[in-house]
Amino acid sequence: MSQKFLIPLDGSALGEAALHHIEEMVSKLALGSKVEVILFQVITLLTYAVATGDEAVEIPYTASELEQMKVQAMDYLSKTAECLEGEGVTVRCEVAFGTSSAEEIIKVEDEVEADLVAMSTHGRHGITRWAFGSVTDKVLRGSKVPVLIVRMPDKD
């Protein structure tokens, strides 16, 4: 039996909240099956603003700047992968560019034929959720596979 887990990460402690749960699942599943974990990061910041008097102009990043962002993201994912690697487990790292993290996650979920998506959430609700939106909610509603949602632990 083979299992593929897709874990979207954004480089934050919140994004990594699901890793502990996946690490436990992987260690149990790896005993009797082949497990592949795909760590995935979406780079959505494709432009930057430059103030010109009273206005701001959006300037696209150059190809070399985008490549540098991709290298940094791959370095982060590779370091993060170390905690998941082990007997019977393969870890793959992927980076994509896009304007919507949720859309890119759903797209790659299909491309890699993931069995499960595991991601974290702030657990916002009400007006803050409406104002900020929710990548997790969009993935949950658009995913074709089960989605494990891990809420960021409350700080004491």
N, C-alpha and C. Protein backbone atom coordinates (compact mmCIF):
# COMPACT_ATOMS: atom_id res chain seq x y z
N MET A 1 0.84 -1.18 0.00
CA MET A 1 0.00 0.00 0.00
C MET A 1 0.89 1.24 0.00
N SER A 2 0.48 2.24 -0.74
CA SER A 2 1.25 3.47 -0.87
C SER A 2 0.39 4.65 -0.45
N GLN A 3 0.99 5.59 0.27
CA GLN A 3 0.28 6.79 0.71
C GLN A 3 1.08 8.02 0.30
N LYS A 4 0.37 9.05 -0.17
CA LYS A 4 1.01 10.32 -0.51
C LYS A 4 0.34 11.42 0.29
N PHE A 5 1.18 12.16 1.03
CA PHE A 5 0.71 13.27 1.84
C PHE A 5 1.26 14.56 1.26
N LEU A 6 0.38 15.52 1.02
CA LEU A 6 0.79 16.84 0.56
C LEU A 6 0.70 17.80 1.74
N ILE A 7 1.82 18.48 2.03
CA ILE A 7 1.85 19.42 3.14
C ILE A 7 2.27 20.78 2.62
N PRO A 8 1.30 21.69 2.48
CA PRO A 8 1.63 23.06 2.08
C PRO A 8 2.25 23.81 3.26
N LEU A 9 3.35 24.49 3.02
CA LEU A 9 4.04 25.26 4.06
C LEU A 9 4.31 26.66 3.54
N ASP A 10 4.33 27.62 4.47
CA ASP A 10 4.61 29.01 4.07
C ASP A 10 5.83 29.58 4.77
N GLY A 11 6.55 28.75 5.51
CA GLY A 11 7.74 29.23 6.20
C GLY A 11 7.50 29.72 7.60
N SER A 12 6.26 29.71 8.06
CA SER A 12 5.93 30.20 9.40
C SER A 12 5.76 29.06 10.39
N ALA A 13 5.80 29.39 11.67
CA ALA A 13 5.54 28.40 12.72
C ALA A 13 4.12 27.88 12.59
N LEU A 14 3.18 28.74 12.24
CA LEU A 14 1.80 28.31 12.03
C LEU A 14 1.74 27.26 10.94
N GLY A 15 2.38 27.51 9.84
CA GLY A 15 2.36 26.57 8.72
C GLY A 15 2.92 25.21 9.09
N GLU A 16 3.85 25.18 10.02
CA GLU A 16 4.50 23.94 10.42
C GLU A 16 3.74 23.17 11.50
N ALA A 17 2.62 23.72 11.98
CA ALA A 17 1.87 23.07 13.06
C ALA A 17 1.41 21.67 12.69
N ALA A 18 1.16 21.41 11.42
CA ALA A 18 0.69 20.09 10.99
C ALA A 18 1.82 19.07 10.89
N LEU A 19 3.07 19.53 10.84
CA LEU A 19 4.20 18.61 10.64
C LEU A 19 4.30 17.55 11.73
N HIS A 20 4.09 17.92 12.97
CA HIS A 20 4.20 16.96 14.07
C HIS A 20 3.22 15.81 13.89
N HIS A 21 2.00 16.13 13.49
CA HIS A 21 0.97 15.10 13.31
C HIS A 21 1.32 14.19 12.13
N ILE A 22 1.82 14.77 11.06
CA ILE A 22 2.22 13.97 9.90
C ILE A 22 3.42 13.10 10.25
N GLU A 23 4.35 13.64 11.02
CA GLU A 23 5.53 12.88 11.43
C GLU A 23 5.11 11.62 12.18
N GLU A 24 4.14 11.75 13.09
CA GLU A 24 3.64 10.59 13.84
C GLU A 24 2.94 9.60 12.91
N MET A 25 2.11 10.10 12.00
CA MET A 25 1.41 9.22 11.06
C MET A 25 2.39 8.48 10.17
N VAL A 26 3.39 9.19 9.67
CA VAL A 26 4.37 8.60 8.78
C VAL A 26 5.15 7.51 9.48
N SER A 27 5.55 7.74 10.72
CA SER A 27 6.33 6.73 11.43
C SER A 27 5.53 5.45 11.63
N LYS A 28 4.21 5.55 11.81
CA LYS A 28 3.36 4.37 11.96
C LYS A 28 3.09 3.69 10.63
N LEU A 29 2.82 4.48 9.60
CA LEU A 29 2.49 3.93 8.29
C LEU A 29 3.71 3.34 7.58
N ALA A 30 4.88 3.91 7.81
CA ALA A 30 6.07 3.48 7.10
C ALA A 30 6.46 2.05 7.43
N LEU A 31 5.97 1.50 8.53
CA LEU A 31 6.30 0.14 8.90
C LEU A 31 5.75 -0.87 7.90
N GLY A 32 4.58 -0.62 7.35
CA GLY A 32 3.97 -1.60 6.47
C GLY A 32 3.67 -1.10 5.08
N SER A 33 4.01 0.11 4.75
CA SER A 33 3.69 0.62 3.43
C SER A 33 4.71 1.66 2.99
N LYS A 34 4.60 2.01 1.74
CA LYS A 34 5.47 3.04 1.17
C LYS A 34 4.78 4.40 1.37
N VAL A 35 5.49 5.35 1.93
CA VAL A 35 4.93 6.66 2.21
C VAL A 35 5.74 7.73 1.48
N GLU A 36 5.04 8.61 0.79
CA GLU A 36 5.69 9.75 0.15
C GLU A 36 5.06 11.01 0.71
N VAL A 37 5.93 11.94 1.13
CA VAL A 37 5.49 13.23 1.65
C VAL A 37 5.97 14.29 0.68
N ILE A 38 5.04 15.13 0.25
CA ILE A 38 5.39 16.23 -0.65
C ILE A 38 5.24 17.53 0.14
N LEU A 39 6.36 18.19 0.41
CA LEU A 39 6.34 19.50 1.05
C LEU A 39 6.24 20.53 -0.08
N PHE A 40 5.31 21.45 0.07
CA PHE A 40 4.97 22.35 -1.03
C PHE A 40 4.86 23.78 -0.54
N GLN A 41 5.44 24.69 -1.29
CA GLN A 41 5.32 26.11 -0.96
C GLN A 41 4.93 26.89 -2.21
N VAL A 42 3.99 27.80 -2.04
CA VAL A 42 3.54 28.68 -3.12
C VAL A 42 4.10 30.07 -2.88
N ILE A 43 4.71 30.63 -3.89
CA ILE A 43 5.19 32.00 -3.83
C ILE A 43 4.17 32.86 -4.56
N THR A 44 3.47 33.68 -3.79
CA THR A 44 2.41 34.51 -4.38
C THR A 44 2.82 35.97 -4.55
N LEU A 45 3.91 36.36 -3.93
CA LEU A 45 4.37 37.74 -4.02
C LEU A 45 5.17 37.89 -5.31
N LEU A 46 4.49 38.23 -6.39
CA LEU A 46 5.13 38.30 -7.69
C LEU A 46 5.48 39.72 -8.12
N THR A 47 5.01 40.71 -7.34
CA THR A 47 5.32 42.11 -7.61
C THR A 47 5.62 42.82 -6.30
N TYR A 48 6.19 43.99 -6.42
CA TYR A 48 6.40 44.83 -5.24
C TYR A 48 5.99 46.25 -5.59
N ALA A 49 5.62 47.00 -4.57
CA ALA A 49 5.12 48.37 -4.79
C ALA A 49 6.26 49.38 -4.64
N VAL A 50 6.27 50.36 -5.53
CA VAL A 50 7.23 51.46 -5.47
C VAL A 50 6.41 52.75 -5.42
N ALA A 51 6.68 53.56 -4.41
CA ALA A 51 5.96 54.83 -4.26
C ALA A 51 6.54 55.85 -5.24
N THR A 52 5.64 56.48 -5.96
CA THR A 52 6.04 57.53 -6.90
C THR A 52 5.17 58.75 -6.62
N GLY A 53 5.61 59.57 -5.70
CA GLY A 53 4.81 60.73 -5.32
C GLY A 53 3.61 60.29 -4.51
N ASP A 54 2.42 60.59 -5.01
CA ASP A 54 1.19 60.24 -4.31
C ASP A 54 0.67 58.85 -4.67
N GLU A 55 1.30 58.18 -5.59
CA GLU A 55 0.82 56.88 -6.06
C GLU A 55 1.87 55.80 -5.81
N ALA A 56 1.41 54.57 -5.90
CA ALA A 56 2.31 53.43 -5.83
C ALA A 56 2.15 52.63 -7.12
N VAL A 57 3.25 52.15 -7.63
CA VAL A 57 3.25 51.38 -8.87
C VAL A 57 3.71 49.96 -8.54
N GLU A 58 2.98 48.98 -9.07
CA GLU A 58 3.37 47.58 -8.89
C GLU A 58 4.42 47.21 -9.94
N ILE A 59 5.56 46.74 -9.49
CA ILE A 59 6.65 46.35 -10.37
C ILE A 59 6.84 44.84 -10.24
N PRO A 60 6.86 44.12 -11.35
CA PRO A 60 7.08 42.67 -11.26
C PRO A 60 8.55 42.37 -10.91
N TYR A 61 8.73 41.31 -10.11
CA TYR A 61 10.09 40.86 -9.83
C TYR A 61 10.72 40.34 -11.11
N THR A 62 12.04 40.47 -11.21
CA THR A 62 12.76 39.95 -12.38
C THR A 62 12.84 38.44 -12.28
N ALA A 63 13.20 37.81 -13.39
CA ALA A 63 13.34 36.36 -13.42
C ALA A 63 14.40 35.90 -12.42
N SER A 64 15.48 36.64 -12.29
CA SER A 64 16.53 36.24 -11.34
C SER A 64 16.07 36.41 -9.89
N GLU A 65 15.27 37.44 -9.61
CA GLU A 65 14.73 37.61 -8.26
C GLU A 65 13.76 36.48 -7.92
N LEU A 66 12.92 36.10 -8.88
CA LEU A 66 11.98 34.99 -8.65
C LEU A 66 12.74 33.68 -8.46
N GLU A 67 13.80 33.50 -9.23
CA GLU A 67 14.62 32.28 -9.08
C GLU A 67 15.26 32.23 -7.69
N GLN A 68 15.72 33.37 -7.19
CA GLN A 68 16.30 33.43 -5.85
C GLN A 68 15.25 33.08 -4.79
N MET A 69 14.02 33.57 -4.96
CA MET A 69 12.94 33.23 -4.04
C MET A 69 12.68 31.72 -4.05
N LYS A 70 12.73 31.14 -5.24
CA LYS A 70 12.50 29.70 -5.37
C LYS A 70 13.62 28.92 -4.67
N VAL A 71 14.86 29.36 -4.84
CA VAL A 71 15.99 28.69 -4.19
C VAL A 71 15.84 28.76 -2.67
N GLN A 72 15.47 29.92 -2.15
CA GLN A 72 15.27 30.07 -0.70
C GLN A 72 14.13 29.17 -0.21
N ALA A 73 13.05 29.09 -0.97
CA ALA A 73 11.94 28.24 -0.59
C ALA A 73 12.35 26.77 -0.60
N MET A 74 13.11 26.35 -1.61
CA MET A 74 13.58 24.96 -1.67
C MET A 74 14.53 24.64 -0.52
N ASP A 75 15.39 25.59 -0.16
CA ASP A 75 16.28 25.39 0.99
C ASP A 75 15.47 25.17 2.26
N TYR A 76 14.47 26.02 2.48
CA TYR A 76 13.60 25.89 3.65
C TYR A 76 12.90 24.52 3.65
N LEU A 77 12.32 24.14 2.53
CA LEU A 77 11.61 22.86 2.46
C LEU A 77 12.55 21.69 2.68
N SER A 78 13.75 21.76 2.12
CA SER A 78 14.73 20.68 2.28
C SER A 78 15.13 20.51 3.74
N LYS A 79 15.34 21.61 4.44
CA LYS A 79 15.68 21.52 5.87
C LYS A 79 14.51 20.97 6.67
N THR A 80 13.31 21.38 6.32
CA THR A 80 12.11 20.90 7.00
C THR A 80 11.91 19.41 6.75
N ALA A 81 12.29 18.94 5.58
CA ALA A 81 12.11 17.53 5.21
C ALA A 81 12.92 16.58 6.09
N GLU A 82 14.00 17.06 6.67
CA GLU A 82 14.87 16.20 7.47
C GLU A 82 14.13 15.50 8.61
N CYS A 83 13.14 16.14 9.21
CA CYS A 83 12.42 15.54 10.33
C CYS A 83 11.49 14.42 9.87
N LEU A 84 11.20 14.35 8.60
CA LEU A 84 10.25 13.36 8.10
C LEU A 84 10.91 12.16 7.42
N GLU A 85 12.16 12.31 7.03
CA GLU A 85 12.83 11.24 6.30
C GLU A 85 13.13 10.07 7.21
N GLY A 86 12.98 8.88 6.65
CA GLY A 86 13.26 7.67 7.41
C GLY A 86 13.00 6.45 6.57
N GLU A 87 13.10 5.29 7.20
CA GLU A 87 12.88 4.01 6.52
C GLU A 87 11.47 3.95 5.93
N GLY A 88 11.38 3.68 4.64
CA GLY A 88 10.08 3.57 3.98
C GLY A 88 9.42 4.89 3.63
N VAL A 89 10.10 6.00 3.89
CA VAL A 89 9.52 7.32 3.65
C VAL A 89 10.40 8.08 2.65
N THR A 90 9.77 8.62 1.62
CA THR A 90 10.48 9.53 0.73
C THR A 90 9.82 10.90 0.84
N VAL A 91 10.66 11.91 0.80
CA VAL A 91 10.16 13.28 0.90
C VAL A 91 10.58 14.03 -0.36
N ARG A 92 9.63 14.70 -0.93
CA ARG A 92 9.87 15.49 -2.13
C ARG A 92 9.49 16.93 -1.83
N CYS A 93 10.23 17.87 -2.36
CA CYS A 93 9.96 19.30 -2.15
C CYS A 93 9.61 19.95 -3.48
N GLU A 94 8.54 20.76 -3.47
CA GLU A 94 8.12 21.46 -4.68
C GLU A 94 7.75 22.89 -4.36
N VAL A 95 8.04 23.78 -5.30
CA VAL A 95 7.71 25.20 -5.18
C VAL A 95 6.99 25.62 -6.45
N ALA A 96 5.95 26.45 -6.28
CA ALA A 96 5.21 26.97 -7.43
C ALA A 96 4.99 28.46 -7.25
N PHE A 97 4.78 29.14 -8.38
CA PHE A 97 4.43 30.56 -8.37
C PHE A 97 2.96 30.67 -8.77
N GLY A 98 2.25 31.58 -8.12
CA GLY A 98 0.85 31.77 -8.47
C GLY A 98 0.26 32.94 -7.71
N THR A 99 -0.93 33.33 -8.11
CA THR A 99 -1.60 34.45 -7.43
C THR A 99 -2.50 33.98 -6.30
N SER A 100 -2.83 32.69 -6.28
CA SER A 100 -3.70 32.15 -5.23
C SER A 100 -3.08 30.89 -4.65
N SER A 101 -2.72 30.94 -3.37
CA SER A 101 -2.13 29.77 -2.71
C SER A 101 -3.10 28.59 -2.76
N ALA A 102 -4.37 28.85 -2.46
CA ALA A 102 -5.36 27.77 -2.43
C ALA A 102 -5.47 27.08 -3.79
N GLU A 103 -5.56 27.88 -4.85
CA GLU A 103 -5.66 27.29 -6.19
C GLU A 103 -4.45 26.45 -6.55
N GLU A 104 -3.26 26.93 -6.18
CA GLU A 104 -2.04 26.18 -6.48
C GLU A 104 -1.97 24.89 -5.67
N ILE A 105 -2.41 24.93 -4.41
CA ILE A 105 -2.41 23.73 -3.58
C ILE A 105 -3.35 22.68 -4.17
N ILE A 106 -4.55 23.10 -4.56
CA ILE A 106 -5.52 22.18 -5.16
C ILE A 106 -4.99 21.61 -6.48
N LYS A 107 -4.33 22.45 -7.24
CA LYS A 107 -3.75 22.02 -8.52
C LYS A 107 -2.67 20.96 -8.30
N VAL A 108 -1.75 21.21 -7.37
CA VAL A 108 -0.66 20.25 -7.16
C VAL A 108 -1.18 18.98 -6.47
N GLU A 109 -2.22 19.11 -5.66
CA GLU A 109 -2.84 17.94 -5.04
C GLU A 109 -3.24 16.94 -6.11
N ASP A 110 -3.83 17.46 -7.18
CA ASP A 110 -4.27 16.63 -8.30
C ASP A 110 -3.07 16.09 -9.07
N GLU A 111 -2.08 16.94 -9.34
CA GLU A 111 -0.91 16.55 -10.12
C GLU A 111 -0.11 15.42 -9.47
N VAL A 112 0.06 15.50 -8.15
CA VAL A 112 0.86 14.48 -7.46
C VAL A 112 0.02 13.29 -7.00
N GLU A 113 -1.29 13.37 -7.23
CA GLU A 113 -2.23 12.31 -6.83
C GLU A 113 -2.14 12.05 -5.32
N ALA A 114 -2.24 13.13 -4.56
CA ALA A 114 -2.16 13.03 -3.09
C ALA A 114 -3.36 12.27 -2.54
N ASP A 115 -3.11 11.54 -1.46
CA ASP A 115 -4.17 10.83 -0.73
C ASP A 115 -4.71 11.68 0.40
N LEU A 116 -3.91 12.65 0.85
CA LEU A 116 -4.28 13.49 1.99
C LEU A 116 -3.53 14.81 1.89
N VAL A 117 -4.21 15.90 2.23
CA VAL A 117 -3.57 17.20 2.36
C VAL A 117 -3.58 17.53 3.84
N ALA A 118 -2.44 17.92 4.40
CA ALA A 118 -2.36 18.29 5.81
C ALA A 118 -1.88 19.72 5.90
N MET A 119 -2.67 20.57 6.56
CA MET A 119 -2.29 21.97 6.67
C MET A 119 -2.78 22.56 7.97
N SER A 120 -2.28 23.72 8.27
CA SER A 120 -2.58 24.41 9.53
C SER A 120 -3.53 25.56 9.29
N THR A 121 -4.14 26.01 10.38
CA THR A 121 -5.04 27.15 10.30
C THR A 121 -4.90 28.00 11.55
N HIS A 122 -5.17 29.28 11.41
CA HIS A 122 -5.22 30.19 12.55
C HIS A 122 -6.44 29.92 13.41
N GLY A 123 -7.48 29.38 12.78
CA GLY A 123 -8.74 29.18 13.49
C GLY A 123 -9.54 30.46 13.60
N ARG A 124 -9.29 31.39 12.69
CA ARG A 124 -10.06 32.65 12.71
C ARG A 124 -11.52 32.38 12.36
N HIS A 125 -12.39 33.24 12.86
CA HIS A 125 -13.79 33.16 12.51
C HIS A 125 -14.38 34.57 12.55
N GLY A 126 -15.60 34.67 12.07
CA GLY A 126 -16.27 35.97 12.09
C GLY A 126 -15.63 36.96 11.14
N ILE A 127 -15.55 38.20 11.60
CA ILE A 127 -15.10 39.31 10.76
C ILE A 127 -13.63 39.17 10.35
N THR A 128 -12.77 38.61 11.22
CA THR A 128 -11.36 38.47 10.84
C THR A 128 -11.20 37.45 9.72
N ARG A 129 -12.01 36.38 9.75
CA ARG A 129 -11.94 35.40 8.68
C ARG A 129 -12.43 36.01 7.36
N TRP A 130 -13.51 36.79 7.46
CA TRP A 130 -14.05 37.44 6.27
C TRP A 130 -13.03 38.42 5.69
N ALA A 131 -12.37 39.18 6.56
CA ALA A 131 -11.42 40.21 6.11
C ALA A 131 -10.17 39.59 5.51
N PHE A 132 -9.64 38.55 6.14
CA PHE A 132 -8.38 37.97 5.69
C PHE A 132 -8.56 36.79 4.75
N GLY A 133 -9.75 36.21 4.70
CA GLY A 133 -9.96 35.03 3.88
C GLY A 133 -9.30 33.84 4.54
N SER A 134 -9.43 32.70 3.95
CA SER A 134 -8.84 31.52 4.53
C SER A 134 -8.39 30.57 3.43
N VAL A 135 -7.08 30.43 3.29
CA VAL A 135 -6.53 29.49 2.32
C VAL A 135 -6.99 28.09 2.69
N THR A 136 -6.94 27.78 3.99
CA THR A 136 -7.35 26.45 4.45
C THR A 136 -8.79 26.16 4.07
N ASP A 137 -9.67 27.12 4.28
CA ASP A 137 -11.08 26.92 3.95
C ASP A 137 -11.27 26.68 2.45
N LYS A 138 -10.56 27.43 1.64
CA LYS A 138 -10.68 27.27 0.19
C LYS A 138 -10.17 25.90 -0.25
N VAL A 139 -9.08 25.44 0.36
CA VAL A 139 -8.55 24.11 0.03
C VAL A 139 -9.53 23.04 0.49
N LEU A 140 -10.05 23.19 1.71
CA LEU A 140 -11.01 22.23 2.24
C LEU A 140 -12.21 22.08 1.30
N ARG A 141 -12.72 23.20 0.81
CA ARG A 141 -13.90 23.17 -0.06
C ARG A 141 -13.59 22.69 -1.48
N GLY A 142 -12.34 22.91 -1.93
CA GLY A 142 -12.00 22.56 -3.31
C GLY A 142 -11.26 21.24 -3.47
N SER A 143 -10.83 20.65 -2.39
CA SER A 143 -10.05 19.43 -2.44
C SER A 143 -10.90 18.22 -2.82
N LYS A 144 -10.27 17.30 -3.52
CA LYS A 144 -10.93 16.04 -3.88
C LYS A 144 -10.53 14.92 -2.94
N VAL A 145 -9.60 15.21 -2.03
CA VAL A 145 -9.12 14.20 -1.08
C VAL A 145 -9.33 14.73 0.35
N PRO A 146 -9.22 13.87 1.35
CA PRO A 146 -9.36 14.35 2.73
C PRO A 146 -8.31 15.41 3.06
N VAL A 147 -8.72 16.36 3.90
CA VAL A 147 -7.83 17.43 4.35
C VAL A 147 -7.74 17.37 5.87
N LEU A 148 -6.53 17.18 6.38
CA LEU A 148 -6.28 17.22 7.81
C LEU A 148 -5.95 18.66 8.16
N ILE A 149 -6.77 19.25 9.04
CA ILE A 149 -6.55 20.64 9.43
C ILE A 149 -6.09 20.65 10.88
N VAL A 150 -4.94 21.25 11.11
CA VAL A 150 -4.39 21.35 12.45
C VAL A 150 -4.44 22.82 12.87
N ARG A 151 -5.08 23.07 13.98
CA ARG A 151 -5.18 24.44 14.47
C ARG A 151 -3.92 24.77 15.25
N MET A 152 -3.43 25.98 15.04
CA MET A 152 -2.25 26.46 15.76
C MET A 152 -2.57 26.46 17.25
N PRO A 153 -1.71 25.86 18.08
CA PRO A 153 -1.96 25.87 19.52
C PRO A 153 -2.00 27.29 20.06
N ASP A 154 -2.90 27.52 21.03
CA ASP A 154 -2.99 28.83 21.68
C ASP A 154 -1.74 29.05 22.49
N LYS A 155 -1.25 30.30 22.46
CA LYS A 155 -0.09 30.66 23.29
C LYS A 155 -0.58 30.98 24.69
N ASP A 156 0.09 30.43 25.66
CA ASP A 156 -0.28 30.69 27.05
C ASP A 156 0.38 31.95 27.56
